[in-house]
Amino acid sequence: MNATLFRKEIKSNWILLVIFLGVLSVYSVMITMMFDPKLGDSLRMMADSMPQMFAAFGMADVGTTLLEFVTGYLYGILLIAFPGVYIIILTNRLVAKYVDNGSMAYLLAVPDKRRKIVLTQGIFLLLTLVLMTAYCTVLILAVGKMLFPGEMDTAGFLRVNAGLLGLLVFFGGACFCASCICNESKNSSAISTAVVVYSILVQMISQAGEKFENVKYATPLTLFDVDGLSAGDGKAWLMAAVLYLAGILLMGTGILRFCKRDLPL
């Protein structure tokens, strides 16, 4: 890595990270605090009154345990959509924006190879995704332990978050690849937004009714099996591994393409 560039990215993007961590904190704490086994019947009545809407957001069955409640409300959309927006913004800043405004010429003027420069950016992205996932994991566990001691299946919850990180790595790899191949920031943002929004919308459509069920195979979110991970199912682990592998391959593809292409500097 280029340590100087890495420190520069920390200074440039820490506010962005803190903003998104703040938003995730509000939702994570609020949803965890709402857990009440006695509230389950009321929530099921609401879900029965608007089944398609609740199903689209992954809230058709919030379960009776703290793990089921938290994963049902947070891991269906919220902890995917907000980190997805963060990934779109950050990946665009890390490569495409430098090319677009001409700053990449200054970065490449140092005696380091292109590969080292862009690999530093990719590592920075991955580390922030690990930090974001770890932060939400620890926060929810802490709040759950404080308010509902003994209620959380910690092992199952950790498995779900390992799968969530795999999904974020996939989105990060896809968006980083787009940032590496685009000369203009607007094109990079457009491709990244399309990938994230498409994936979420298709997932919502697939959950809206039985006639749309097969649509789930057209989105990578299907590989993030919350119920399977919480139960320790081997197939769910395999699907999560596919997300990790695909994300790393996409990031690697972007890095190779960036190293070989002509830049408008």
C-alpha atoms as a PDB file:
ATOM      1  CA  MET A   1       0.000   0.000   0.000  1.00  0.00           C
ATOM      2  CA  ASN A   2       0.878   3.646  -0.335  1.00  0.00           C
ATOM      3  CA  ALA A   3       0.690   4.744   3.300  1.00  0.00           C
ATOM      4  CA  THR A   4       0.588   8.457   2.449  1.00  0.00           C
ATOM      5  CA  LEU A   5      -2.383   7.993   0.129  1.00  0.00           C
ATOM      6  CA  PHE A   6      -4.121   5.783   2.691  1.00  0.00           C
ATOM      7  CA  ARG A   7      -3.815   8.472   5.354  1.00  0.00           C
ATOM      8  CA  LYS A   8      -5.061  11.045   2.865  1.00  0.00           C
ATOM      9  CA  GLU A   9      -8.188   8.975   2.193  1.00  0.00           C
ATOM     10  CA  ILE A  10      -8.838   8.695   5.926  1.00  0.00           C
ATOM     11  CA  LYS A  11      -8.725  12.486   6.261  1.00  0.00           C
ATOM     12  CA  SER A  12     -10.923  12.972   3.183  1.00  0.00           C
ATOM     13  CA  ASN A  13     -13.604  10.386   3.954  1.00  0.00           C
ATOM     14  CA  TRP A  14     -13.876  10.007   7.723  1.00  0.00           C
ATOM     15  CA  ILE A  15     -16.781  12.467   7.889  1.00  0.00           C
ATOM     16  CA  LEU A  16     -18.678  10.467   5.254  1.00  0.00           C
ATOM     17  CA  LEU A  17     -18.134   7.287   7.244  1.00  0.00           C
ATOM     18  CA  VAL A  18     -19.187   8.917  10.518  1.00  0.00           C
ATOM     19  CA  ILE A  19     -22.402  10.238   8.927  1.00  0.00           C
ATOM     20  CA  PHE A  20     -23.436   6.796   7.730  1.00  0.00           C
ATOM     21  CA  LEU A  21     -22.428   5.167  11.008  1.00  0.00           C
ATOM     22  CA  GLY A  22     -24.603   7.736  12.755  1.00  0.00           C
ATOM     23  CA  VAL A  23     -27.607   6.917  10.575  1.00  0.00           C
ATOM     24  CA  LEU A  24     -27.081   3.177  11.049  1.00  0.00           C
ATOM     25  CA  SER A  25     -26.736   3.731  14.800  1.00  0.00           C
ATOM     26  CA  VAL A  26     -30.124   5.417  15.015  1.00  0.00           C
ATOM     27  CA  TYR A  27     -31.923   2.632  13.159  1.00  0.00           C
ATOM     28  CA  SER A  28     -30.006  -0.185  14.850  1.00  0.00           C
ATOM     29  CA  VAL A  29     -30.664   1.100  18.364  1.00  0.00           C
ATOM     30  CA  MET A  30     -34.261   2.063  17.650  1.00  0.00           C
ATOM     31  CA  ILE A  31     -35.207  -1.296  16.120  1.00  0.00           C
ATOM     32  CA  THR A  32     -33.434  -3.276  18.850  1.00  0.00           C
ATOM     33  CA  MET A  33     -35.195  -1.265  21.560  1.00  0.00           C
ATOM     34  CA  MET A  34     -38.559  -2.004  19.927  1.00  0.00           C
ATOM     35  CA  PHE A  35     -38.227  -5.732  20.581  1.00  0.00           C
ATOM     36  CA  ASP A  36     -41.012  -7.036  22.749  1.00  0.00           C
ATOM     37  CA  PRO A  37     -42.301 -10.614  22.493  1.00  0.00           C
ATOM     38  CA  LYS A  38     -45.757  -9.342  23.421  1.00  0.00           C
ATOM     39  CA  LEU A  39     -45.625  -6.978  20.451  1.00  0.00           C
ATOM     40  CA  GLY A  40     -45.361  -9.889  18.047  1.00  0.00           C
ATOM     41  CA  ASP A  41     -49.121 -10.397  17.693  1.00  0.00           C
ATOM     42  CA  SER A  42     -49.685  -6.708  16.888  1.00  0.00           C
ATOM     43  CA  LEU A  43     -46.943  -6.716  14.282  1.00  0.00           C
ATOM     44  CA  ARG A  44     -48.323  -9.882  12.694  1.00  0.00           C
ATOM     45  CA  MET A  45     -51.758  -8.245  12.489  1.00  0.00           C
ATOM     46  CA  MET A  46     -50.202  -5.270  10.712  1.00  0.00           C
ATOM     47  CA  ALA A  47     -48.336  -7.596   8.360  1.00  0.00           C
ATOM     48  CA  ASP A  48     -51.559  -9.473   7.598  1.00  0.00           C
ATOM     49  CA  SER A  49     -53.310  -6.212   6.757  1.00  0.00           C
ATOM     50  CA  MET A  50     -50.567  -5.177   4.271  1.00  0.00           C
ATOM     51  CA  PRO A  51     -48.893  -8.477   3.348  1.00  0.00           C
ATOM     52  CA  GLN A  52     -47.301  -7.392   0.069  1.00  0.00           C
ATOM     53  CA  MET A  53     -45.768  -4.218   1.495  1.00  0.00           C
ATOM     54  CA  PHE A  54     -44.315  -5.992   4.532  1.00  0.00           C
ATOM     55  CA  ALA A  55     -43.071  -8.860   2.372  1.00  0.00           C
ATOM     56  CA  ALA A  56     -41.374  -6.488  -0.082  1.00  0.00           C
ATOM     57  CA  PHE A  57     -39.304  -5.035   2.762  1.00  0.00           C
ATOM     58  CA  GLY A  58     -38.508  -8.467   4.164  1.00  0.00           C
ATOM     59  CA  MET A  59     -40.724  -7.968   7.225  1.00  0.00           C
ATOM     60  CA  ALA A  60     -43.434 -10.527   6.541  1.00  0.00           C
ATOM     61  CA  ASP A  61     -42.338 -12.699   9.463  1.00  0.00           C
ATOM     62  CA  VAL A  62     -40.366 -10.908  12.177  1.00  0.00           C
ATOM     63  CA  GLY A  63     -40.400 -13.979  14.418  1.00  0.00           C
ATOM     64  CA  THR A  64     -40.533 -14.164  18.181  1.00  0.00           C
ATOM     65  CA  THR A  65     -36.842 -14.071  19.204  1.00  0.00           C
ATOM     66  CA  LEU A  66     -34.568 -11.054  19.376  1.00  0.00           C
ATOM     67  CA  LEU A  67     -32.420 -12.456  16.561  1.00  0.00           C
ATOM     68  CA  GLU A  68     -35.423 -12.963  14.291  1.00  0.00           C
ATOM     69  CA  PHE A  69     -36.810  -9.538  15.161  1.00  0.00           C
ATOM     70  CA  VAL A  70     -33.560  -7.648  14.520  1.00  0.00           C
ATOM     71  CA  THR A  71     -32.685  -9.500  11.313  1.00  0.00           C
ATOM     72  CA  GLY A  72     -36.254  -9.205  10.057  1.00  0.00           C
ATOM     73  CA  TYR A  73     -36.399  -5.431  10.432  1.00  0.00           C
ATOM     74  CA  LEU A  74     -32.790  -4.414   9.810  1.00  0.00           C
ATOM     75  CA  TYR A  75     -31.270  -6.966   7.448  1.00  0.00           C
ATOM     76  CA  GLY A  76     -34.049  -6.999   4.885  1.00  0.00           C
ATOM     77  CA  ILE A  77     -33.452  -3.464   3.559  1.00  0.00           C
ATOM     78  CA  LEU A  78     -31.974  -0.940   6.011  1.00  0.00           C
ATOM     79  CA  LEU A  79     -28.530  -2.477   6.586  1.00  0.00           C
ATOM     80  CA  ILE A  80     -28.237  -3.105   2.860  1.00  0.00           C
ATOM     81  CA  ALA A  81     -29.552   0.144   1.384  1.00  0.00           C
ATOM     82  CA  PHE A  82     -27.646   2.621   3.577  1.00  0.00           C
ATOM     83  CA  PRO A  83     -24.266   0.884   3.224  1.00  0.00           C
ATOM     84  CA  GLY A  84     -25.068   0.594  -0.485  1.00  0.00           C
ATOM     85  CA  VAL A  85     -25.367   4.359  -0.795  1.00  0.00           C
ATOM     86  CA  TYR A  86     -22.113   4.740   1.149  1.00  0.00           C
ATOM     87  CA  ILE A  87     -20.378   2.357  -1.264  1.00  0.00           C
ATOM     88  CA  ILE A  88     -21.643   4.293  -4.298  1.00  0.00           C
ATOM     89  CA  ILE A  89     -20.295   7.585  -2.942  1.00  0.00           C
ATOM     90  CA  LEU A  90     -16.985   6.237  -1.655  1.00  0.00           C
ATOM     91  CA  THR A  91     -16.011   4.128  -4.676  1.00  0.00           C
ATOM     92  CA  ASN A  92     -16.644   7.093  -6.946  1.00  0.00           C
ATOM     93  CA  ARG A  93     -14.377   9.253  -4.776  1.00  0.00           C
ATOM     94  CA  LEU A  94     -11.567   6.709  -4.653  1.00  0.00           C
ATOM     95  CA  VAL A  95     -10.799   6.428  -8.376  1.00  0.00           C
ATOM     96  CA  ALA A  96     -13.175   7.951 -10.948  1.00  0.00           C
ATOM     97  CA  LYS A  97     -13.301  11.370  -9.305  1.00  0.00           C
ATOM     98  CA  TYR A  98      -9.497  11.616  -9.356  1.00  0.00           C
ATOM     99  CA  VAL A  99      -9.465  10.799 -13.076  1.00  0.00           C
ATOM    100  CA  ASP A 100     -12.331  13.154 -13.829  1.00  0.00           C
ATOM    101  CA  ASN A 101     -10.825  16.218 -12.121  1.00  0.00           C
ATOM    102  CA  GLY A 102      -7.254  15.506 -13.236  1.00  0.00           C
ATOM    103  CA  SER A 103      -5.896  14.745  -9.757  1.00  0.00           C
ATOM    104  CA  MET A 104      -4.915  11.231 -10.801  1.00  0.00           C
ATOM    105  CA  ALA A 105      -1.972  12.737 -12.695  1.00  0.00           C
ATOM    106  CA  TYR A 106      -0.502  13.901  -9.379  1.00  0.00           C
ATOM    107  CA  LEU A 107      -1.032  10.506  -7.756  1.00  0.00           C
ATOM    108  CA  LEU A 108       0.663   8.724 -10.635  1.00  0.00           C
ATOM    109  CA  ALA A 109       3.567  11.175 -10.563  1.00  0.00           C
ATOM    110  CA  VAL A 110       4.931   9.442  -7.468  1.00  0.00           C
ATOM    111  CA  PRO A 111       7.412   6.598  -8.046  1.00  0.00           C
ATOM    112  CA  ASP A 112       4.786   3.959  -7.212  1.00  0.00           C
ATOM    113  CA  LYS A 113       3.150   1.836  -9.901  1.00  0.00           C
ATOM    114  CA  ARG A 114      -0.510   2.242 -10.811  1.00  0.00           C
ATOM    115  CA  ARG A 115      -1.261  -1.107  -9.220  1.00  0.00           C
ATOM    116  CA  LYS A 116      -0.039   0.065  -5.829  1.00  0.00           C
ATOM    117  CA  ILE A 117      -2.074   3.276  -6.023  1.00  0.00           C
ATOM    118  CA  VAL A 118      -5.365   1.645  -6.982  1.00  0.00           C
ATOM    119  CA  LEU A 119      -4.787  -1.333  -4.668  1.00  0.00           C
ATOM    120  CA  THR A 120      -4.437   1.108  -1.776  1.00  0.00           C
ATOM    121  CA  GLN A 121      -7.843   2.540  -2.683  1.00  0.00           C
ATOM    122  CA  GLY A 122      -9.398  -0.908  -2.834  1.00  0.00           C
ATOM    123  CA  ILE A 123      -7.978  -1.887   0.561  1.00  0.00           C
ATOM    124  CA  PHE A 124      -9.281   1.356   2.056  1.00  0.00           C
ATOM    125  CA  LEU A 125     -12.766   0.522   0.764  1.00  0.00           C
ATOM    126  CA  LEU A 126     -12.683  -3.015   2.164  1.00  0.00           C
ATOM    127  CA  LEU A 127     -11.446  -1.881   5.565  1.00  0.00           C
ATOM    128  CA  THR A 128     -14.231   0.690   5.906  1.00  0.00           C
ATOM    129  CA  LEU A 129     -16.813  -1.982   5.030  1.00  0.00           C
ATOM    130  CA  VAL A 130     -15.351  -4.274   7.692  1.00  0.00           C
ATOM    131  CA  LEU A 131     -15.430  -1.379  10.177  1.00  0.00           C
ATOM    132  CA  MET A 132     -19.041  -0.516   9.324  1.00  0.00           C
ATOM    133  CA  THR A 133     -20.222  -4.109   9.682  1.00  0.00           C
ATOM    134  CA  ALA A 134     -18.273  -4.669  12.906  1.00  0.00           C
ATOM    135  CA  TYR A 135     -19.622  -1.433  14.384  1.00  0.00           C
ATOM    136  CA  CYS A 136     -23.262  -2.344  13.709  1.00  0.00           C
ATOM    137  CA  THR A 137     -22.675  -5.868  15.017  1.00  0.00           C
ATOM    138  CA  VAL A 138     -21.157  -4.701  18.294  1.00  0.00           C
ATOM    139  CA  LEU A 139     -23.732  -1.936  18.745  1.00  0.00           C
ATOM    140  CA  ILE A 140     -26.750  -4.207  18.312  1.00  0.00           C
ATOM    141  CA  LEU A 141     -25.231  -6.892  20.533  1.00  0.00           C
ATOM    142  CA  ALA A 142     -24.465  -4.316  23.237  1.00  0.00           C
ATOM    143  CA  VAL A 143     -27.941  -2.781  23.168  1.00  0.00           C
ATOM    144  CA  GLY A 144     -29.567  -6.213  23.079  1.00  0.00           C
ATOM    145  CA  LYS A 145     -27.497  -7.455  26.018  1.00  0.00           C
ATOM    146  CA  MET A 146     -28.221  -4.326  28.025  1.00  0.00           C
ATOM    147  CA  LEU A 147     -31.991  -4.282  27.436  1.00  0.00           C
ATOM    148  CA  PHE A 148     -32.727  -7.973  26.875  1.00  0.00           C
ATOM    149  CA  PRO A 149     -30.015 -10.037  28.597  1.00  0.00           C
ATOM    150  CA  GLY A 150     -29.848 -13.626  27.415  1.00  0.00           C
ATOM    151  CA  GLU A 151     -32.288 -13.090  24.535  1.00  0.00           C
ATOM    152  CA  MET A 152     -29.826 -12.779  21.636  1.00  0.00           C
ATOM    153  CA  ASP A 153     -28.427 -15.820  19.851  1.00  0.00           C
ATOM    154  CA  THR A 154     -24.951 -14.318  19.560  1.00  0.00           C
ATOM    155  CA  ALA A 155     -23.468 -17.053  17.373  1.00  0.00           C
ATOM    156  CA  GLY A 156     -26.353 -16.872  14.911  1.00  0.00           C
ATOM    157  CA  PHE A 157     -26.173 -13.084  14.834  1.00  0.00           C
ATOM    158  CA  LEU A 158     -22.442 -13.144  14.101  1.00  0.00           C
ATOM    159  CA  ARG A 159     -23.038 -15.546  11.215  1.00  0.00           C
ATOM    160  CA  VAL A 160     -25.654 -13.208   9.740  1.00  0.00           C
ATOM    161  CA  ASN A 161     -23.215 -10.295   9.894  1.00  0.00           C
ATOM    162  CA  ALA A 162     -20.493 -12.362   8.253  1.00  0.00           C
ATOM    163  CA  GLY A 163     -22.946 -12.887   5.392  1.00  0.00           C
ATOM    164  CA  LEU A 164     -23.852  -9.189   5.341  1.00  0.00           C
ATOM    165  CA  LEU A 165     -20.178  -8.290   4.963  1.00  0.00           C
ATOM    166  CA  GLY A 166     -19.988 -10.663   1.997  1.00  0.00           C
ATOM    167  CA  LEU A 167     -22.872  -8.826   0.333  1.00  0.00           C
ATOM    168  CA  LEU A 168     -21.230  -5.443   0.972  1.00  0.00           C
ATOM    169  CA  VAL A 169     -17.930  -6.765  -0.421  1.00  0.00           C
ATOM    170  CA  PHE A 170     -19.804  -7.791  -3.572  1.00  0.00           C
ATOM    171  CA  PHE A 171     -21.378  -4.343  -3.950  1.00  0.00           C
ATOM    172  CA  GLY A 172     -18.035  -2.742  -3.137  1.00  0.00           C
ATOM    173  CA  GLY A 173     -16.253  -4.827  -5.768  1.00  0.00           C
ATOM    174  CA  ALA A 174     -18.846  -4.089  -8.452  1.00  0.00           C
ATOM    175  CA  CYS A 175     -18.897  -0.344  -7.750  1.00  0.00           C
ATOM    176  CA  PHE A 176     -15.110  -0.146  -7.424  1.00  0.00           C
ATOM    177  CA  CYS A 177     -14.762  -1.886 -10.785  1.00  0.00           C
ATOM    178  CA  ALA A 178     -17.077   0.710 -12.336  1.00  0.00           C
ATOM    179  CA  SER A 179     -15.016   3.495 -10.789  1.00  0.00           C
ATOM    180  CA  CYS A 180     -11.818   1.996 -12.234  1.00  0.00           C
ATOM    181  CA  ILE A 181     -13.116   1.706 -15.804  1.00  0.00           C
ATOM    182  CA  CYS A 182     -14.884   5.088 -16.075  1.00  0.00           C
ATOM    183  CA  ASN A 183     -13.199   8.346 -17.001  1.00  0.00           C
ATOM    184  CA  GLU A 184     -16.066  10.502 -15.771  1.00  0.00           C
ATOM    185  CA  SER A 185     -17.410  10.593 -12.256  1.00  0.00           C
ATOM    186  CA  LYS A 186     -21.026  10.778 -13.426  1.00  0.00           C
ATOM    187  CA  ASN A 187     -20.712   7.541 -15.384  1.00  0.00           C
ATOM    188  CA  SER A 188     -19.144   5.737 -12.447  1.00  0.00           C
ATOM    189  CA  SER A 189     -21.925   6.912 -10.131  1.00  0.00           C
ATOM    190  CA  ALA A 190     -24.602   5.936 -12.649  1.00  0.00           C
ATOM    191  CA  ILE A 191     -23.298   2.380 -13.029  1.00  0.00           C
ATOM    192  CA  SER A 192     -22.802   1.929  -9.288  1.00  0.00           C
ATOM    193  CA  THR A 193     -26.260   3.278  -8.501  1.00  0.00           C
ATOM    194  CA  ALA A 194     -27.804   1.010 -11.130  1.00  0.00           C
ATOM    195  CA  VAL A 195     -26.136  -2.069  -9.612  1.00  0.00           C
ATOM    196  CA  VAL A 196     -27.250  -1.340  -6.041  1.00  0.00           C
ATOM    197  CA  VAL A 197     -30.746  -0.042  -6.811  1.00  0.00           C
ATOM    198  CA  TYR A 198     -31.455  -2.834  -9.303  1.00  0.00           C
ATOM    199  CA  SER A 199     -30.428  -5.490  -6.790  1.00  0.00           C
ATOM    200  CA  ILE A 200     -32.620  -4.072  -4.030  1.00  0.00           C
ATOM    201  CA  LEU A 201     -35.659  -3.440  -6.235  1.00  0.00           C
ATOM    202  CA  VAL A 202     -35.572  -6.913  -7.769  1.00  0.00           C
ATOM    203  CA  GLN A 203     -35.305  -8.408  -4.277  1.00  0.00           C
ATOM    204  CA  MET A 204     -38.339  -6.397  -3.146  1.00  0.00           C
ATOM    205  CA  ILE A 205     -40.341  -7.466  -6.203  1.00  0.00           C
ATOM    206  CA  SER A 206     -39.442 -11.122  -5.656  1.00  0.00           C
ATOM    207  CA  GLN A 207     -40.839 -10.933  -2.110  1.00  0.00           C
ATOM    208  CA  ALA A 208     -44.081  -9.184  -3.089  1.00  0.00           C
ATOM    209  CA  GLY A 209     -45.947 -12.306  -4.147  1.00  0.00           C
ATOM    210  CA  GLU A 210     -45.656 -15.916  -5.280  1.00  0.00           C
ATOM    211  CA  LYS A 211     -45.948 -15.030  -8.971  1.00  0.00           C
ATOM    212  CA  PHE A 212     -42.755 -12.965  -8.708  1.00  0.00           C
ATOM    213  CA  GLU A 213     -40.833 -15.511  -6.632  1.00  0.00           C
ATOM    214  CA  ASN A 214     -38.550 -16.676  -9.452  1.00  0.00           C
ATOM    215  CA  VAL A 215     -37.328 -13.091  -9.950  1.00  0.00           C
ATOM    216  CA  LYS A 216     -35.124 -13.604  -6.883  1.00  0.00           C
ATOM    217  CA  TYR A 217     -32.616 -15.479  -9.044  1.00  0.00           C
ATOM    218  CA  ALA A 218     -31.881 -12.229 -10.895  1.00  0.00           C
ATOM    219  CA  THR A 219     -30.409 -10.445  -7.879  1.00  0.00           C
ATOM    220  CA  PRO A 220     -27.279 -11.146  -5.819  1.00  0.00           C
ATOM    221  CA  LEU A 221     -29.247 -10.443  -2.639  1.00  0.00           C
ATOM    222  CA  THR A 222     -30.648 -13.968  -2.935  1.00  0.00           C
ATOM    223  CA  LEU A 223     -27.184 -15.232  -1.973  1.00  0.00           C
ATOM    224  CA  PHE A 224     -27.541 -13.443   1.373  1.00  0.00           C
ATOM    225  CA  ASP A 225     -29.685 -16.003   3.201  1.00  0.00           C
ATOM    226  CA  VAL A 226     -30.376 -14.477   6.607  1.00  0.00           C
ATOM    227  CA  ASP A 227     -32.407 -17.403   7.946  1.00  0.00           C
ATOM    228  CA  GLY A 228     -29.905 -19.961   6.694  1.00  0.00           C
ATOM    229  CA  LEU A 229     -26.950 -18.115   8.195  1.00  0.00           C
ATOM    230  CA  SER A 230     -28.654 -17.664  11.551  1.00  0.00           C
ATOM    231  CA  ALA A 231     -29.306 -21.422  11.608  1.00  0.00           C
ATOM    232  CA  GLY A 232     -25.760 -22.272  10.498  1.00  0.00           C
ATOM    233  CA  ASP A 233     -26.902 -23.883   7.241  1.00  0.00           C
ATOM    234  CA  GLY A 234     -24.019 -25.020   5.025  1.00  0.00           C
ATOM    235  CA  LYS A 235     -25.716 -23.868   1.827  1.00  0.00           C
ATOM    236  CA  ALA A 236     -26.074 -20.350   3.237  1.00  0.00           C
ATOM    237  CA  TRP A 237     -22.340 -20.304   4.030  1.00  0.00           C
ATOM    238  CA  LEU A 238     -21.571 -21.414   0.472  1.00  0.00           C
ATOM    239  CA  MET A 239     -23.715 -18.636  -0.988  1.00  0.00           C
ATOM    240  CA  ALA A 240     -22.002 -16.082   1.262  1.00  0.00           C
ATOM    241  CA  ALA A 241     -18.622 -17.362   0.064  1.00  0.00           C
ATOM    242  CA  VAL A 242     -19.762 -16.783  -3.526  1.00  0.00           C
ATOM    243  CA  LEU A 243     -20.506 -13.146  -2.655  1.00  0.00           C
ATOM    244  CA  TYR A 244     -17.044 -12.681  -1.149  1.00  0.00           C
ATOM    245  CA  LEU A 245     -15.353 -14.327  -4.142  1.00  0.00           C
ATOM    246  CA  ALA A 246     -17.390 -12.382  -6.708  1.00  0.00           C
ATOM    247  CA  GLY A 247     -16.676  -9.090  -4.942  1.00  0.00           C
ATOM    248  CA  ILE A 248     -12.925  -9.709  -4.813  1.00  0.00           C
ATOM    249  CA  LEU A 249     -12.868 -10.825  -8.458  1.00  0.00           C
ATOM    250  CA  LEU A 250     -14.759  -7.712  -9.548  1.00  0.00           C
ATOM    251  CA  MET A 251     -12.382  -5.514  -7.592  1.00  0.00           C
ATOM    252  CA  GLY A 252      -9.412  -7.331  -9.097  1.00  0.00           C
ATOM    253  CA  THR A 253     -10.876  -6.911 -12.577  1.00  0.00           C
ATOM    254  CA  GLY A 254     -11.224  -3.183 -12.003  1.00  0.00           C
ATOM    255  CA  ILE A 255      -7.638  -2.911 -10.761  1.00  0.00           C
ATOM    256  CA  LEU A 256      -6.248  -4.807 -13.768  1.00  0.00           C
ATOM    257  CA  ARG A 257      -8.300  -2.728 -16.176  1.00  0.00           C
ATOM    258  CA  PHE A 258      -7.154   0.510 -14.543  1.00  0.00           C
ATOM    259  CA  CYS A 259      -3.510  -0.519 -14.770  1.00  0.00           C
ATOM    260  CA  LYS A 260      -3.713  -1.260 -18.497  1.00  0.00           C
ATOM    261  CA  ARG A 261      -5.987   1.443 -19.899  1.00  0.00           C
ATOM    262  CA  ASP A 262      -5.082   4.885 -21.228  1.00  0.00           C
ATOM    263  CA  LEU A 263      -6.086   7.674 -18.877  1.00  0.00           C
ATOM    264  CA  PRO A 264      -7.190  11.155 -20.053  1.00  0.00           C
ATOM    265  CA  LEU A 265      -4.658  12.994 -17.911  1.00  0.00           C
END
